[in-house]
Amino acid sequence: MQLQERISAFIKLGEFLSQFSNEVISKNDKVEYNDLFFEGFKHQLKIAEEHNGWFTQKNITYALNSWAMALTFENITKWLETYNIVKTTPKKIAIIMAGNIPLVGFHDFLSVLICGHSVLVKQSSSDKHLLPYLAKYLEYVVPDFKGKITFTQNKIDHFDAVIATGSNNTARYFEYYFKNKPSIIRNSRNSIAVLTGKETALDLKNLSEDIFRYYGLGCRNVSKLFVPKNYDFKAFFEAMYHWHPIIEKAKYANNYDYNKAVYLMSEFDMLENGFFMIKEDKSYASPIATLFYEYYEDSNELKKKLETDHKQIQCIVAKGFLENEVPFGATQQPQLWDYADSIDSVEFLLSI
């Protein structure tokens, strides 16, 4: 199977996903194999939502829209133009996926197959319905994919390299268990935002997307703010308020009530607005419905701190603060070349 065939297959997959990328699903009769897969995927979306209470229709739709926009000829071509993929020696790559947000492991899946390897996928039990169905679609588009995509719930074996994502504790286990295999091991990271007090109302409203999308469960969700001394949070809270319907979700509300009770009983200082809280804390990882913040006085000192702590940070959201910053509102819209943990997985896959 040639590289262009693989690229074409994923472009067609993007066209298939585009039918489900709005709240109102719209069938496009021009999409290949729709008669076989359209209604079935609608059913899979329903099952995924029923299986995982965090996978609401809006969040699944958002994830599908992100991938539909990414899987275009222009984007894939730009992503791959610096690599020499043609001479790849096929290997079997195991992927151990997280399950915190819908299709969170899709980029690894895409990368392995685009590079010409076979993939052995061990999914999280939280997100196990969507990807196998999409894999079947790929196999119909390009039959040569058959035999190159395997899903397992058992212990993985007979593979040449591994990409594994998990918690900090799980990552230590992965590092030991896969010590004799080429590997990318990812652990928990969080994203932060640096505010100066000069942000516009639109900047802060866009930031709310980085905070609340997927209920804050993704590593690209902002979980902590760095703000200048004596920062006035009034404009910040006003910009967040349009997300107040989030409290209607029972799982989110339960976390909000629990964490609020813990903070009150512990007599921690915190600010809240009825659906989320902010608390001064030096940690990067904040609980659901909570955002940590930390004051800074010198921007250069803050840059040094963030560089020192870079292994704990996935994204830095800011406006004119760092060269590699992410614009407000863009953390959950990564490009194909925006690699998790800044580790180039395609380069890794071509080197084994």
Foldseek 3Di string as FASTA:
>chain_A
DFLVLLLVLLLLLLVLLVQLLDLDRHDDPVRPPCVPAVVVLVVLLVVLCVLAVLSDSNQQSNLSNLSSVQSHPVQVCVQPVVDDLGPFDEWEEEEEDDQLGEPPVVLVVSLNVSSPYAYEYEYDSSHDRNVVSSLVSSCVSPVVNVVRYHYDNDDDDDGQEYEYEEAPVVLVVVCVVCVVHHYHGYHAAAAAEEDELPDDLVQLLLQLLLACRSLNRDRLRHQEYEYAPPRDCPSNCVSNVVPVCVCVRPVLVVQQVVVVVVCVVVVFDWDDDNQAIEGADPDRDDTGRYHYYHYDHDLVVVVVVCVVVVSRHFAYEYDPRDPRHDHRNCSSNDHSNSDTSNDRVSVSSRVD
